[in-house]
N, C-alpha and C. Protein backbone atom coordinates (compact mmCIF):
# COMPACT_ATOMS: atom_id res chain seq x y z
N MET A 1 -26.27 213.79 21.36
CA MET A 1 -26.43 213.02 22.59
C MET A 1 -25.25 213.30 23.50
N SER A 2 -25.52 213.54 24.76
CA SER A 2 -24.44 213.87 25.70
C SER A 2 -23.64 212.64 26.07
N ARG A 3 -22.44 212.88 26.57
CA ARG A 3 -21.57 211.78 26.95
C ARG A 3 -22.18 210.96 28.08
N SER A 4 -22.85 211.60 29.03
CA SER A 4 -23.47 210.83 30.13
C SER A 4 -24.62 209.99 29.61
N ALA A 5 -25.37 210.49 28.63
CA ALA A 5 -26.46 209.69 28.06
C ALA A 5 -25.89 208.54 27.24
N GLU A 6 -24.81 208.79 26.49
CA GLU A 6 -24.17 207.74 25.71
C GLU A 6 -23.65 206.63 26.61
N SER A 7 -23.10 207.00 27.75
CA SER A 7 -22.41 206.04 28.60
C SER A 7 -23.28 205.51 29.74
N ALA A 8 -24.57 205.83 29.74
CA ALA A 8 -25.43 205.44 30.84
C ALA A 8 -25.51 203.92 31.02
N SER A 9 -25.28 203.18 29.96
CA SER A 9 -25.42 201.73 30.05
C SER A 9 -24.09 201.02 30.26
N ILE A 10 -23.03 201.73 30.57
CA ILE A 10 -21.72 201.11 30.76
C ILE A 10 -21.61 200.52 32.16
N VAL A 11 -21.15 199.27 32.19
CA VAL A 11 -20.95 198.57 33.46
C VAL A 11 -19.52 198.03 33.47
N LEU A 12 -18.81 198.27 34.56
CA LEU A 12 -17.46 197.74 34.75
C LEU A 12 -17.52 196.68 35.83
N TYR A 13 -17.26 195.44 35.45
CA TYR A 13 -17.12 194.36 36.42
C TYR A 13 -15.66 194.34 36.83
N ARG A 14 -15.44 194.40 38.14
CA ARG A 14 -14.07 194.46 38.63
C ARG A 14 -13.91 193.72 39.94
N CYS A 15 -12.65 193.53 40.34
CA CYS A 15 -12.34 192.85 41.60
C CYS A 15 -12.69 193.76 42.78
N PRO A 16 -12.70 193.22 43.99
CA PRO A 16 -13.06 194.03 45.16
C PRO A 16 -11.93 194.89 45.73
N THR A 17 -10.79 194.97 45.04
CA THR A 17 -9.69 195.80 45.53
C THR A 17 -10.20 197.23 45.73
N PRO A 18 -10.01 197.81 46.92
CA PRO A 18 -10.60 199.11 47.24
C PRO A 18 -9.90 200.31 46.59
N THR A 19 -8.75 200.13 46.00
CA THR A 19 -8.04 201.25 45.39
C THR A 19 -7.96 201.06 43.89
N ASP A 20 -7.69 202.13 43.17
CA ASP A 20 -7.56 202.06 41.72
C ASP A 20 -6.11 202.00 41.26
N PHE A 21 -5.20 201.69 42.17
CA PHE A 21 -3.79 201.72 41.80
C PHE A 21 -3.07 200.38 41.98
N LEU A 22 -3.79 199.32 42.34
CA LEU A 22 -3.12 198.06 42.61
C LEU A 22 -3.47 196.94 41.64
N CYS A 23 -4.37 197.20 40.71
CA CYS A 23 -4.81 196.10 39.84
C CYS A 23 -5.22 196.65 38.47
N PRO A 24 -5.33 195.77 37.47
CA PRO A 24 -5.76 196.19 36.14
C PRO A 24 -7.17 196.77 36.14
N CYS A 25 -8.02 196.33 37.04
CA CYS A 25 -9.38 196.87 37.13
C CYS A 25 -9.33 198.37 37.42
N GLY A 26 -8.43 198.77 38.28
CA GLY A 26 -8.29 200.18 38.62
C GLY A 26 -7.80 201.02 37.45
N ALA A 27 -6.94 200.44 36.61
CA ALA A 27 -6.47 201.16 35.43
C ALA A 27 -7.63 201.48 34.50
N VAL A 28 -8.56 200.54 34.37
CA VAL A 28 -9.75 200.78 33.55
C VAL A 28 -10.62 201.87 34.18
N ALA A 29 -10.83 201.79 35.48
CA ALA A 29 -11.65 202.79 36.17
C ALA A 29 -11.04 204.19 36.02
N ARG A 30 -9.72 204.29 36.12
CA ARG A 30 -9.06 205.59 35.93
C ARG A 30 -9.26 206.12 34.52
N ARG A 31 -9.19 205.24 33.53
CA ARG A 31 -9.37 205.66 32.14
C ARG A 31 -10.80 206.15 31.91
N LEU A 32 -11.78 205.46 32.48
CA LEU A 32 -13.17 205.89 32.36
C LEU A 32 -13.36 207.28 32.96
N ARG A 33 -12.79 207.50 34.15
CA ARG A 33 -12.90 208.80 34.81
C ARG A 33 -12.20 209.90 34.01
N ARG A 34 -11.05 209.57 33.45
CA ARG A 34 -10.29 210.56 32.67
C ARG A 34 -11.10 211.05 31.48
N HIS A 35 -11.88 210.18 30.90
CA HIS A 35 -12.73 210.56 29.76
C HIS A 35 -14.06 211.14 30.21
N GLY A 36 -14.29 211.20 31.52
CA GLY A 36 -15.53 211.77 32.03
C GLY A 36 -16.75 210.89 31.78
N ILE A 37 -16.54 209.58 31.75
CA ILE A 37 -17.61 208.64 31.43
C ILE A 37 -18.28 208.16 32.71
N GLU A 38 -19.59 208.27 32.75
CA GLU A 38 -20.36 207.73 33.87
C GLU A 38 -20.54 206.24 33.64
N TYR A 39 -20.35 205.47 34.70
CA TYR A 39 -20.48 204.02 34.59
C TYR A 39 -20.91 203.45 35.93
N ARG A 40 -21.39 202.23 35.88
CA ARG A 40 -21.79 201.52 37.10
C ARG A 40 -20.74 200.46 37.37
N THR A 41 -20.37 200.31 38.63
CA THR A 41 -19.37 199.31 39.03
C THR A 41 -20.05 198.11 39.66
N GLU A 42 -19.65 196.93 39.22
CA GLU A 42 -20.09 195.69 39.84
C GLU A 42 -18.84 194.98 40.35
N ARG A 43 -18.75 194.84 41.66
CA ARG A 43 -17.60 194.14 42.26
C ARG A 43 -17.88 192.64 42.28
N VAL A 44 -16.89 191.87 41.90
CA VAL A 44 -17.03 190.41 41.93
C VAL A 44 -16.02 189.85 42.92
N PRO A 45 -16.25 188.64 43.42
CA PRO A 45 -15.34 188.07 44.41
C PRO A 45 -13.93 187.82 43.85
N TYR A 46 -12.95 187.80 44.74
CA TYR A 46 -11.60 187.45 44.33
C TYR A 46 -11.56 186.04 43.76
N ARG A 47 -12.28 185.13 44.41
CA ARG A 47 -12.29 183.73 43.96
C ARG A 47 -13.00 183.61 42.63
N ARG A 48 -12.34 183.03 41.68
CA ARG A 48 -12.91 182.93 40.33
C ARG A 48 -14.13 182.02 40.29
N LYS A 49 -14.25 181.11 41.24
CA LYS A 49 -15.43 180.24 41.29
C LYS A 49 -16.69 181.05 41.58
N GLY A 50 -16.56 182.22 42.18
CA GLY A 50 -17.69 183.05 42.54
C GLY A 50 -18.07 184.06 41.48
N ARG A 51 -17.73 183.80 40.23
CA ARG A 51 -17.99 184.76 39.15
C ARG A 51 -18.83 184.15 38.01
N PRO A 52 -19.93 183.53 38.31
CA PRO A 52 -20.69 182.87 37.24
C PRO A 52 -21.22 183.85 36.19
N GLU A 53 -21.52 185.09 36.58
CA GLU A 53 -22.03 186.05 35.60
C GLU A 53 -20.96 186.43 34.58
N ILE A 54 -19.70 186.46 35.02
CA ILE A 54 -18.60 186.77 34.11
C ILE A 54 -18.41 185.62 33.12
N VAL A 55 -18.45 184.40 33.63
CA VAL A 55 -18.31 183.22 32.77
C VAL A 55 -19.45 183.18 31.75
N ALA A 56 -20.66 183.51 32.19
CA ALA A 56 -21.81 183.50 31.28
C ALA A 56 -21.64 184.53 30.16
N LEU A 57 -21.03 185.66 30.45
CA LEU A 57 -20.86 186.72 29.45
C LEU A 57 -19.70 186.47 28.50
N THR A 58 -18.61 185.88 29.01
CA THR A 58 -17.39 185.79 28.21
C THR A 58 -16.85 184.38 28.02
N GLY A 59 -17.31 183.45 28.83
CA GLY A 59 -16.73 182.11 28.78
C GLY A 59 -15.44 182.01 29.58
N ARG A 60 -15.02 183.11 30.17
CA ARG A 60 -13.81 183.15 31.01
C ARG A 60 -14.21 183.68 32.38
N ASP A 61 -13.30 183.57 33.33
CA ASP A 61 -13.62 184.00 34.69
C ASP A 61 -12.79 185.19 35.16
N ARG A 62 -12.25 185.95 34.23
CA ARG A 62 -11.34 187.04 34.58
C ARG A 62 -12.02 188.41 34.48
N VAL A 63 -11.56 189.32 35.33
CA VAL A 63 -11.97 190.71 35.28
C VAL A 63 -10.71 191.55 35.10
N PRO A 64 -10.80 192.75 34.61
CA PRO A 64 -11.99 193.55 34.39
C PRO A 64 -12.74 193.13 33.13
N LEU A 65 -14.01 193.52 33.13
CA LEU A 65 -14.90 193.28 32.01
C LEU A 65 -15.77 194.51 31.85
N LEU A 66 -15.86 195.03 30.64
CA LEU A 66 -16.65 196.22 30.38
C LEU A 66 -17.82 195.85 29.49
N ILE A 67 -19.00 196.27 29.90
CA ILE A 67 -20.21 196.09 29.09
C ILE A 67 -20.66 197.49 28.67
N ASP A 68 -20.73 197.71 27.37
CA ASP A 68 -21.17 198.99 26.82
C ASP A 68 -22.31 198.69 25.84
N GLY A 69 -23.54 198.69 26.34
CA GLY A 69 -24.67 198.32 25.50
C GLY A 69 -24.55 196.86 25.11
N ASP A 70 -24.40 196.61 23.82
CA ASP A 70 -24.24 195.23 23.32
C ASP A 70 -22.79 194.79 23.24
N GLU A 71 -21.86 195.72 23.47
CA GLU A 71 -20.44 195.40 23.41
C GLU A 71 -19.96 194.82 24.73
N VAL A 72 -19.22 193.72 24.65
CA VAL A 72 -18.60 193.09 25.82
C VAL A 72 -17.11 193.04 25.54
N VAL A 73 -16.33 193.75 26.38
CA VAL A 73 -14.88 193.83 26.15
C VAL A 73 -14.17 193.35 27.41
N SER A 74 -13.26 192.40 27.24
CA SER A 74 -12.48 191.91 28.38
C SER A 74 -11.01 192.22 28.16
N ASP A 75 -10.22 192.09 29.21
CA ASP A 75 -8.78 192.37 29.23
C ASP A 75 -8.56 193.87 29.36
N SER A 76 -7.84 194.24 30.39
CA SER A 76 -7.69 195.67 30.71
C SER A 76 -7.09 196.48 29.57
N LYS A 77 -6.11 195.94 28.86
CA LYS A 77 -5.52 196.69 27.75
C LYS A 77 -6.54 196.88 26.64
N ARG A 78 -7.27 195.85 26.28
CA ARG A 78 -8.29 195.97 25.23
C ARG A 78 -9.40 196.93 25.65
N ILE A 79 -9.77 196.90 26.92
CA ILE A 79 -10.81 197.81 27.41
C ILE A 79 -10.35 199.26 27.30
N ARG A 80 -9.11 199.54 27.72
CA ARG A 80 -8.59 200.91 27.64
C ARG A 80 -8.52 201.39 26.19
N GLU A 81 -8.11 200.50 25.28
CA GLU A 81 -8.09 200.85 23.86
C GLU A 81 -9.50 201.13 23.35
N TYR A 82 -10.46 200.32 23.77
CA TYR A 82 -11.85 200.52 23.36
C TYR A 82 -12.37 201.87 23.87
N ILE A 83 -12.09 202.19 25.12
CA ILE A 83 -12.53 203.47 25.69
C ILE A 83 -11.95 204.64 24.90
N ASP A 84 -10.65 204.57 24.60
CA ASP A 84 -10.02 205.65 23.83
C ASP A 84 -10.64 205.75 22.44
N TRP A 85 -10.91 204.62 21.81
CA TRP A 85 -11.50 204.62 20.47
C TRP A 85 -12.93 205.15 20.52
N ARG A 86 -13.71 204.68 21.48
CA ARG A 86 -15.14 205.02 21.55
C ARG A 86 -15.38 206.45 22.04
N PHE A 87 -14.60 206.91 23.00
CA PHE A 87 -14.86 208.21 23.63
C PHE A 87 -13.76 209.24 23.41
N GLY A 88 -12.65 208.86 22.85
CA GLY A 88 -11.52 209.77 22.68
C GLY A 88 -11.79 210.90 21.72
N GLU A 89 -12.58 210.65 20.67
CA GLU A 89 -12.84 211.65 19.65
C GLU A 89 -13.52 212.87 20.23
N ALA A 90 -14.51 212.67 21.09
CA ALA A 90 -15.22 213.81 21.68
C ALA A 90 -14.29 214.64 22.54
N GLU A 91 -13.37 213.97 23.24
CA GLU A 91 -12.41 214.71 24.08
C GLU A 91 -11.47 215.53 23.20
N ASP A 92 -11.03 214.97 22.06
CA ASP A 92 -10.18 215.70 21.15
C ASP A 92 -10.88 216.91 20.54
N GLU A 93 -12.17 216.74 20.18
CA GLU A 93 -12.94 217.85 19.62
C GLU A 93 -13.11 218.97 20.63
N ALA A 94 -13.36 218.63 21.89
CA ALA A 94 -13.54 219.64 22.93
C ALA A 94 -12.25 220.43 23.15
N ALA A 95 -11.11 219.75 23.08
CA ALA A 95 -9.83 220.41 23.27
C ALA A 95 -9.51 221.33 22.10
N ALA A 96 -9.91 220.94 20.90
CA ALA A 96 -9.61 221.74 19.71
C ALA A 96 -10.54 222.95 19.59
N GLY A 97 -11.79 222.82 20.15
CA GLY A 97 -12.79 223.88 20.00
C GLY A 97 -12.50 225.02 20.85
């Protein structure tokens, strides 16, 4: 299965900050791109009261939030670790081959 097919169901919920260098959401987006992972972005309002879908998924109102199939991962550090764990092996194999 190709990496794009594997990652077709990945959704990144993030803040509306337009750049990837000012917030933890951008750090996650950069990590996804570095691994060549296709994903869909859902921007949520800055105001935490305007994030009912995030609360429904996690019980918290914070982003970033990564949905990978049935996996729901919150907190930018945990998300980056998850991405490296889930997709890092294929990148290592490609570099070694």
